[in-house]
PDB file of N, CA and C in Angstrom:
ATOM      1  N   MET A   1      90.047  80.688  89.010  1.00  0.00           N
ATOM      2  CA  MET A   1      88.867  81.547  89.139  1.00  0.00           C
ATOM      3  C   MET A   1      88.309  81.360  90.649  1.00  0.00           C
ATOM      4  N   LYS A   2      88.544  80.265  91.144  1.00  0.00           N
ATOM      5  CA  LYS A   2      87.802  79.676  92.493  1.00  0.00           C
ATOM      6  C   LYS A   2      88.312  80.060  93.528  1.00  0.00           C
ATOM      7  N   HIS A   3      89.619  80.609  93.387  1.00  0.00           N
ATOM      8  CA  HIS A   3      90.787  80.897  94.519  1.00  0.00           C
ATOM      9  C   HIS A   3      89.955  81.899  95.396  1.00  0.00           C
ATOM     10  N   GLU A   4      90.231  81.810  96.565  1.00  0.00           N
ATOM     11  CA  GLU A   4      89.543  82.903  97.423  1.00  0.00           C
ATOM     12  C   GLU A   4      89.889  84.135  97.215  1.00  0.00           C
ATOM     13  N   LEU A   5      91.140  84.423  96.927  1.00  0.00           N
ATOM     14  CA  LEU A   5      91.746  85.945  96.667  1.00  0.00           C
ATOM     15  C   LEU A   5      91.084  86.326  95.435  1.00  0.00           C
ATOM     16  N   VAL A   6      91.089  85.665  94.358  1.00  0.00           N
ATOM     17  CA  VAL A   6      90.435  85.704  93.007  1.00  0.00           C
ATOM     18  C   VAL A   6      88.942  86.265  93.489  1.00  0.00           C
ATOM     19  N   GLN A   7      88.282  85.480  94.153  1.00  0.00           N
ATOM     20  CA  GLN A   7      86.830  85.797  94.653  1.00  0.00           C
ATOM     21  C   GLN A   7      87.013  86.927  95.349  1.00  0.00           C
ATOM     22  N   LEU A   8      87.634  87.502  96.572  1.00  0.00           N
ATOM     23  CA  LEU A   8      87.674  88.470  97.215  1.00  0.00           C
ATOM     24  C   LEU A   8      87.944  89.695  96.468  1.00  0.00           C
ATOM     25  N   ALA A   9      88.894  89.666  95.358  1.00  0.00           N
ATOM     26  CA  ALA A   9      88.949  90.928  94.663  1.00  0.00           C
ATOM     27  C   ALA A   9      87.862  91.163  93.756  1.00  0.00           C
ATOM     28  N   GLY A  10      86.988  90.380  93.391  1.00  0.00           N
ATOM     29  CA  GLY A  10      85.806  90.638  92.539  1.00  0.00           C
ATOM     30  C   GLY A  10      84.776  91.333  93.422  1.00  0.00           C
ATOM     31  N   THR A  11      84.933  91.010  94.999  1.00  0.00           N
ATOM     32  CA  THR A  11      83.809  91.714  95.707  1.00  0.00           C
ATOM     33  C   THR A  11      83.987  93.195  96.034  1.00  0.00           C
ATOM     34  N   ILE A  12      85.355  93.430  95.746  1.00  0.00           N
ATOM     35  CA  ILE A  12      85.684  94.675  96.238  1.00  0.00           C
ATOM     36  C   ILE A  12      85.563  95.823  95.024  1.00  0.00           C
ATOM     37  N   ASP A  13      84.942  97.252  95.594  1.00  0.00           N
ATOM     38  CA  ASP A  13      84.818  98.173  94.277  1.00  0.00           C
ATOM     39  C   ASP A  13      85.862  98.930  94.284  1.00  0.00           C
ATOM     40  N   TRP A  14      87.086  98.312  93.513  1.00  0.00           N
ATOM     41  CA  TRP A  14      88.397  98.888  93.254  1.00  0.00           C
ATOM     42  C   TRP A  14      88.141 100.730  93.038  1.00  0.00           C
ATOM     43  N   ALA A  15      87.275 100.913  92.057  1.00  0.00           N
ATOM     44  CA  ALA A  15      86.992 102.275  91.454  1.00  0.00           C
ATOM     45  C   ALA A  15      86.466 103.041  92.598  1.00  0.00           C
ATOM     46  N   TRP A  16      85.568 102.792  93.332  1.00  0.00           N
ATOM     47  CA  TRP A  16      85.108 103.401  94.607  1.00  0.00           C
ATOM     48  C   TRP A  16      86.325 103.819  95.553  1.00  0.00           C
ATOM     49  N   ILE A  17      86.999 102.780  95.819  1.00  0.00           N
ATOM     50  CA  ILE A  17      88.191 103.013  96.899  1.00  0.00           C
ATOM     51  C   ILE A  17      89.122 104.285  95.857  1.00  0.00           C
ATOM     52  N   ASP A  18      89.522 104.055  94.868  1.00  0.00           N
ATOM     53  CA  ASP A  18      90.292 105.351  93.958  1.00  0.00           C
ATOM     54  C   ASP A  18      89.659 106.506  94.198  1.00  0.00           C
ATOM     55  N   SER A  19      88.451 106.416  93.999  1.00  0.00           N
ATOM     56  CA  SER A  19      87.800 107.918  93.971  1.00  0.00           C
ATOM     57  C   SER A  19      87.387 108.306  95.295  1.00  0.00           C
ATOM     58  N   GLU A  20      87.381 107.645  96.482  1.00  0.00           N
ATOM     59  CA  GLU A  20      87.674 108.046  97.913  1.00  0.00           C
ATOM     60  C   GLU A  20      89.002 108.341  98.245  1.00  0.00           C
ATOM     61  N   ILE A  21      90.165 107.863  97.960  1.00  0.00           N
ATOM     62  CA  ILE A  21      91.024 108.188  98.150  1.00  0.00           C
ATOM     63  C   ILE A  21      91.571 109.488  97.467  1.00  0.00           C
ATOM     64  N   HIS A  22      91.211 109.511  96.046  1.00  0.00           N
ATOM     65  CA  HIS A  22      91.605 110.944  95.545  1.00  0.00           C
ATOM     66  C   HIS A  22      90.957 111.857  96.123  1.00  0.00           C
ATOM     67  N   ALA A  23      89.694 111.794  96.565  1.00  0.00           N
ATOM     68  CA  ALA A  23      89.177 112.848  97.114  1.00  0.00           C
ATOM     69  C   ALA A  23      89.891 113.471  98.325  1.00  0.00           C
ATOM     70  N   LEU A  24      90.432 112.413  99.007  1.00  0.00           N
ATOM     71  CA  LEU A  24      91.106 112.548 100.401  1.00  0.00           C
ATOM     72  C   LEU A  24      92.745 113.391 100.103  1.00  0.00           C
ATOM     73  N   GLN A  25      93.176 113.039  99.022  1.00  0.00           N
ATOM     74  CA  GLN A  25      94.804 113.659  98.766  1.00  0.00           C
ATOM     75  C   GLN A  25      94.408 115.068  99.009  1.00  0.00           C
ATOM     76  N   ARG A  26      95.687 115.696  99.488  1.00  0.00           N
ATOM     77  CA  ARG A  26      96.247 116.621  99.461  1.00  0.00           C
ATOM     78  C   ARG A  26      97.392 116.949  98.709  1.00  0.00           C
ATOM     79  N   LYS A  27      97.591 118.265  98.730  1.00  0.00           N
ATOM     80  CA  LYS A  27      98.515 118.631  97.644  1.00  0.00           C
ATOM     81  C   LYS A  27      99.873 118.505  98.219  1.00  0.00           C
ATOM     82  N   GLY A  28     100.764 117.785  97.540  1.00  0.00           N
ATOM     83  CA  GLY A  28     101.968 117.339  98.018  1.00  0.00           C
ATOM     84  C   GLY A  28     102.192 116.195  98.659  1.00  0.00           C
ATOM     85  N   ARG A  29     100.991 115.313  98.686  1.00  0.00           N
ATOM     86  CA  ARG A  29     101.006 113.931  99.279  1.00  0.00           C
ATOM     87  C   ARG A  29     101.301 113.234  98.220  1.00  0.00           C
ATOM     88  N   PRO A  30     102.033 112.147  98.179  1.00  0.00           N
ATOM     89  CA  PRO A  30     102.165 111.075  97.493  1.00  0.00           C
ATOM     90  C   PRO A  30     100.575 110.564  97.192  1.00  0.00           C
ATOM     91  N   ASP A  31     100.715 109.902  95.756  1.00  0.00           N
ATOM     92  CA  ASP A  31      99.533 109.375  95.279  1.00  0.00           C
ATOM     93  C   ASP A  31      99.334 107.957  95.722  1.00  0.00           C
ATOM     94  N   ARG A  32      98.048 107.767  96.315  1.00  0.00           N
ATOM     95  CA  ARG A  32      97.614 106.455  97.163  1.00  0.00           C
ATOM     96  C   ARG A  32      96.674 105.915  96.324  1.00  0.00           C
ATOM     97  N   ASP A  33      96.690 104.731  95.717  1.00  0.00           N
ATOM     98  CA  ASP A  33      95.690 104.210  95.069  1.00  0.00           C
ATOM     99  C   ASP A  33      95.233 102.789  95.434  1.00  0.00           C
ATOM    100  N   ALA A  34      94.278 102.021  94.822  1.00  0.00           N
ATOM    101  CA  ALA A  34      93.710 100.845  95.524  1.00  0.00           C
ATOM    102  C   ALA A  34      95.035 100.041  95.351  1.00  0.00           C
ATOM    103  N   LEU A  35      95.968  99.809  94.441  1.00  0.00           N
ATOM    104  CA  LEU A  35      97.096  99.054  94.657  1.00  0.00           C
ATOM    105  C   LEU A  35      97.643  99.154  96.153  1.00  0.00           C
ATOM    106  N   ARG A  36      97.752 100.089  96.534  1.00  0.00           N
ATOM    107  CA  ARG A  36      98.442  99.989  97.518  1.00  0.00           C
ATOM    108  C   ARG A  36      97.650  99.619  98.815  1.00  0.00           C
ATOM    109  N   ILE A  37      96.472  99.959  98.672  1.00  0.00           N
ATOM    110  CA  ILE A  37      95.164  99.342  99.566  1.00  0.00           C
ATOM    111  C   ILE A  37      95.252  97.803  99.462  1.00  0.00           C
ATOM    112  N   GLY A  38      95.400  97.385  98.224  1.00  0.00           N
ATOM    113  CA  GLY A  38      95.438  95.772  98.319  1.00  0.00           C
ATOM    114  C   GLY A  38      96.692  95.183  98.711  1.00  0.00           C
ATOM    115  N   LEU A  39      97.660  95.934  98.442  1.00  0.00           N
ATOM    116  CA  LEU A  39      98.996  95.441  99.240  1.00  0.00           C
ATOM    117  C   LEU A  39      98.784  95.538 100.659  1.00  0.00           C
ATOM    118  N   PHE A  40      98.398  96.720 101.130  1.00  0.00           N
ATOM    119  CA  PHE A  40      98.039  96.385 102.550  1.00  0.00           C
ATOM    120  C   PHE A  40      97.176  95.569 103.079  1.00  0.00           C
ATOM    121  N   LEU A  41      95.937  95.409 102.423  1.00  0.00           N
ATOM    122  CA  LEU A  41      95.136  94.329 102.937  1.00  0.00           C
ATOM    123  C   LEU A  41      95.756  92.985 103.221  1.00  0.00           C
ATOM    124  N   LEU A  42      96.372  92.571 102.149  1.00  0.00           N
ATOM    125  CA  LEU A  42      97.186  91.120 101.834  1.00  0.00           C
ATOM    126  C   LEU A  42      98.329  91.207 102.691  1.00  0.00           C
ATOM    127  N   LYS A  43      98.799  92.136 103.082  1.00  0.00           N
ATOM    128  CA  LYS A  43     100.063  91.942 104.077  1.00  0.00           C
ATOM    129  C   LYS A  43      99.729  91.672 105.543  1.00  0.00           C
ATOM    130  N   HIS A  44      98.254  92.368 106.018  1.00  0.00           N
ATOM    131  CA  HIS A  44      97.920  92.019 107.155  1.00  0.00           C
ATOM    132  C   HIS A  44      96.646  90.730 107.121  1.00  0.00           C
ATOM    133  N   ILE A  45      96.144  90.449 105.922  1.00  0.00           N
ATOM    134  CA  ILE A  45      95.331  89.264 106.112  1.00  0.00           C
ATOM    135  C   ILE A  45      96.511  88.061 106.625  1.00  0.00           C
ATOM    136  N   PHE A  46      97.318  87.951 105.821  1.00  0.00           N
ATOM    137  CA  PHE A  46      98.354  86.871 105.848  1.00  0.00           C
ATOM    138  C   PHE A  46      99.590  87.097 107.179  1.00  0.00           C
ATOM    139  N   GLY A  47      99.292  88.414 107.830  1.00  0.00           N
ATOM    140  CA  GLY A  47     100.239  88.610 108.870  1.00  0.00           C
ATOM    141  C   GLY A  47     101.710  88.368 108.503  1.00  0.00           C
ATOM    142  N   LEU A  48     102.140  88.950 107.421  1.00  0.00           N
ATOM    143  CA  LEU A  48     103.548  88.834 106.618  1.00  0.00           C
ATOM    144  C   LEU A  48     104.219  90.228 106.955  1.00  0.00           C
ATOM    145  N   SER A  49     105.757  89.890 107.316  1.00  0.00           N
ATOM    146  CA  SER A  49     106.642  91.089 107.658  1.00  0.00           C
ATOM    147  C   SER A  49     106.897  91.649 106.157  1.00  0.00           C
ATOM    148  N   ASP A  50     107.107  92.778 106.050  1.00  0.00           N
ATOM    149  CA  ASP A  50     107.369  93.499 104.875  1.00  0.00           C
ATOM    150  C   ASP A  50     108.476  92.764 104.053  1.00  0.00           C
ATOM    151  N   ASP A  51     109.190  92.294 104.394  1.00  0.00           N
ATOM    152  CA  ASP A  51     110.288  91.444 103.586  1.00  0.00           C
ATOM    153  C   ASP A  51     109.479  90.303 102.842  1.00  0.00           C
ATOM    154  N   GLY A  52     108.795  89.456 103.636  1.00  0.00           N
ATOM    155  CA  GLY A  52     108.184  88.490 103.456  1.00  0.00           C
ATOM    156  C   GLY A  52     107.312  88.737 102.475  1.00  0.00           C
ATOM    157  N   PHE A  53     106.321  89.805 102.704  1.00  0.00           N
ATOM    158  CA  PHE A  53     105.167  89.793 101.953  1.00  0.00           C
ATOM    159  C   PHE A  53     105.653  90.242 100.538  1.00  0.00           C
ATOM    160  N   CYS A  54     107.060  90.697 100.291  1.00  0.00           N
ATOM    161  CA  CYS A  54     107.475  91.419  98.945  1.00  0.00           C
ATOM    162  C   CYS A  54     107.693  89.948  98.247  1.00  0.00           C
ATOM    163  N   GLU A  55     108.481  89.236  99.070  1.00  0.00           N
ATOM    164  CA  GLU A  55     109.050  87.889  98.262  1.00  0.00           C
ATOM    165  C   GLU A  55     107.727  87.113  98.075  1.00  0.00           C
ATOM    166  N   ARG A  56     106.357  87.338  98.828  1.00  0.00           N
ATOM    167  CA  ARG A  56     105.411  86.391  98.468  1.00  0.00           C
ATOM    168  C   ARG A  56     104.925  86.495  97.545  1.00  0.00           C
ATOM    169  N   TRP A  57     104.766  88.131  97.262  1.00  0.00           N
ATOM    170  CA  TRP A  57     103.953  88.918  96.386  1.00  0.00           C
ATOM    171  C   TRP A  57     104.635  88.398  94.995  1.00  0.00           C
ATOM    172  N   ILE A  58     105.941  88.458  94.705  1.00  0.00           N
ATOM    173  CA  ILE A  58     106.678  88.175  93.731  1.00  0.00           C
ATOM    174  C   ILE A  58     106.337  86.598  93.136  1.00  0.00           C
ATOM    175  N   CYS A  59     106.254  85.737  94.095  1.00  0.00           N
ATOM    176  CA  CYS A  59     106.263  84.428  93.727  1.00  0.00           C
ATOM    177  C   CYS A  59     104.554  84.205  93.708  1.00  0.00           C
ATOM    178  N   ASP A  60     103.543  84.423  94.035  1.00  0.00           N
ATOM    179  CA  ASP A  60     102.060  84.187  94.574  1.00  0.00           C
ATOM    180  C   ASP A  60     101.495  84.784  93.158  1.00  0.00           C
ATOM    181  N   PRO A  61     100.715  84.104  92.162  1.00  0.00           N
ATOM    182  CA  PRO A  61     100.216  84.746  91.160  1.00  0.00           C
ATOM    183  C   PRO A  61      98.450  85.268  91.628  1.00  0.00           C
ATOM    184  N   TYR A  62      98.073  84.428  92.698  1.00  0.00           N
ATOM    185  CA  TYR A  62      96.865  85.318  93.600  1.00  0.00           C
ATOM    186  C   TYR A  62      96.894  86.415  94.190  1.00  0.00           C
ATOM    187  N   PHE A  63      98.250  86.446  94.866  1.00  0.00           N
ATOM    188  CA  PHE A  63      98.491  87.910  95.330  1.00  0.00           C
ATOM    189  C   PHE A  63      98.386  88.687  94.208  1.00  0.00           C
ATOM    190  N   GLN A  64      99.250  88.890  93.126  1.00  0.00           N
ATOM    191  CA  GLN A  64      99.331  89.593  91.906  1.00  0.00           C
ATOM    192  C   GLN A  64      97.994  90.021  91.527  1.00  0.00           C
ATOM    193  N   TYR A  65      97.046  88.876  91.030  1.00  0.00           N
ATOM    194  CA  TYR A  65      95.795  88.883  90.500  1.00  0.00           C
ATOM    195  C   TYR A  65      94.931  90.149  91.668  1.00  0.00           C
ATOM    196  N   PHE A  66      95.115  89.769  92.879  1.00  0.00           N
ATOM    197  CA  PHE A  66      94.285  90.634  93.802  1.00  0.00           C
ATOM    198  C   PHE A  66      94.565  91.879  93.911  1.00  0.00           C
ATOM    199  N   THR A  67      95.701  92.269  93.535  1.00  0.00           N
ATOM    200  CA  THR A  67      96.495  93.737  93.247  1.00  0.00           C
ATOM    201  C   THR A  67      96.186  94.384  91.793  1.00  0.00           C
ATOM    202  N   GLY A  68      95.554  93.555  91.044  1.00  0.00           N
ATOM    203  CA  GLY A  68      95.046  93.907  89.900  1.00  0.00           C
ATOM    204  C   GLY A  68      96.059  93.902  88.573  1.00  0.00           C
ATOM    205  N   GLU A  69      97.155  93.112  88.782  1.00  0.00           N
ATOM    206  CA  GLU A  69      97.921  92.591  87.882  1.00  0.00           C
ATOM    207  C   GLU A  69      97.287  91.706  86.862  1.00  0.00           C
ATOM    208  N   GLU A  70      97.701  91.883  85.295  1.00  0.00           N
ATOM    209  CA  GLU A  70      97.074  91.250  84.494  1.00  0.00           C
ATOM    210  C   GLU A  70      98.054  90.049  83.996  1.00  0.00           C
ATOM    211  N   PHE A  71      99.105  90.227  84.357  1.00  0.00           N
ATOM    212  CA  PHE A  71     100.045  89.439  83.781  1.00  0.00           C
ATOM    213  C   PHE A  71     100.975  89.127  84.910  1.00  0.00           C
ATOM    214  N   PHE A  72     101.817  88.050  85.015  1.00  0.00           N
ATOM    215  CA  PHE A  72     102.809  87.525  86.096  1.00  0.00           C
ATOM    216  C   PHE A  72     104.013  88.414  86.117  1.00  0.00           C
ATOM    217  N   GLN A  73     104.248  88.981  87.335  1.00  0.00           N
ATOM    218  CA  GLN A  73     105.216  90.116  87.432  1.00  0.00           C
ATOM    219  C   GLN A  73     106.512  89.263  88.243  1.00  0.00           C
ATOM    220  N   HIS A  74     107.762  89.561  87.833  1.00  0.00           N
ATOM    221  CA  HIS A  74     109.074  89.152  88.380  1.00  0.00           C
ATOM    222  C   HIS A  74     109.713  90.348  89.398  1.00  0.00           C
ATOM    223  N   VAL A  75     109.310  91.317  89.293  1.00  0.00           N
ATOM    224  CA  VAL A  75     109.376  92.279  90.211  1.00  0.00           C
ATOM    225  C   VAL A  75     108.433  93.146  90.953  1.00  0.00           C
ATOM    226  N   PHE A  76     108.859  93.484  92.352  1.00  0.00           N
ATOM    227  CA  PHE A  76     107.852  94.080  93.204  1.00  0.00           C
ATOM    228  C   PHE A  76     107.539  95.559  92.781  1.00  0.00           C
ATOM    229  N   PRO A  77     105.942  95.854  92.680  1.00  0.00           N
ATOM    230  CA  PRO A  77     105.813  97.087  91.903  1.00  0.00           C
ATOM    231  C   PRO A  77     106.249  98.456  92.452  1.00  0.00           C
ATOM    232  N   HIS A  78     106.609  98.335  93.918  1.00  0.00           N
ATOM    233  CA  HIS A  78     106.889  99.628  94.597  1.00  0.00           C
ATOM    234  C   HIS A  78     108.431  99.183  95.281  1.00  0.00           C
ATOM    235  N   GLU A  79     108.683 100.431  95.399  1.00  0.00           N
ATOM    236  CA  GLU A  79     109.798 100.347  96.429  1.00  0.00           C
ATOM    237  C   GLU A  79     109.686  99.686  98.050  1.00  0.00           C
ATOM    238  N   ARG A  80     110.611  98.705  98.178  1.00  0.00           N
ATOM    239  CA  ARG A  80     110.275  98.188  99.387  1.00  0.00           C
ATOM    240  C   ARG A  80     110.048  98.977 100.600  1.00  0.00           C
ATOM    241  N   SER A  81     110.549 100.246 100.847  1.00  0.00           N
ATOM    242  CA  SER A  81     110.487 100.946 101.425  1.00  0.00           C
ATOM    243  C   SER A  81     109.295 101.453 101.763  1.00  0.00           C
ATOM    244  N   ASP A  82     108.726 101.739 100.568  1.00  0.00           N
ATOM    245  CA  ASP A  82     106.978 102.453 100.635  1.00  0.00           C
ATOM    246  C   ASP A  82     106.251 101.816 101.460  1.00  0.00           C
TER     247      ASP A  82
END
């Protein structure tokens, strides 16, 4: 629980992010949630390509924890094209 991504995840108000995004959604637009924001943040913090990010997310429990996973996942949570 001392890892930097675990600590950073604890400082972000994910519920607020969800509520703000929900308020901005327009009819017909796909849902955007805190998970996608978390994925976007990690990708850019670590300067990873799309494919590199997907591979790292699958292998890195701290990436998964940061994006709200409670159990280790073996499959990326979205289509890679998303």
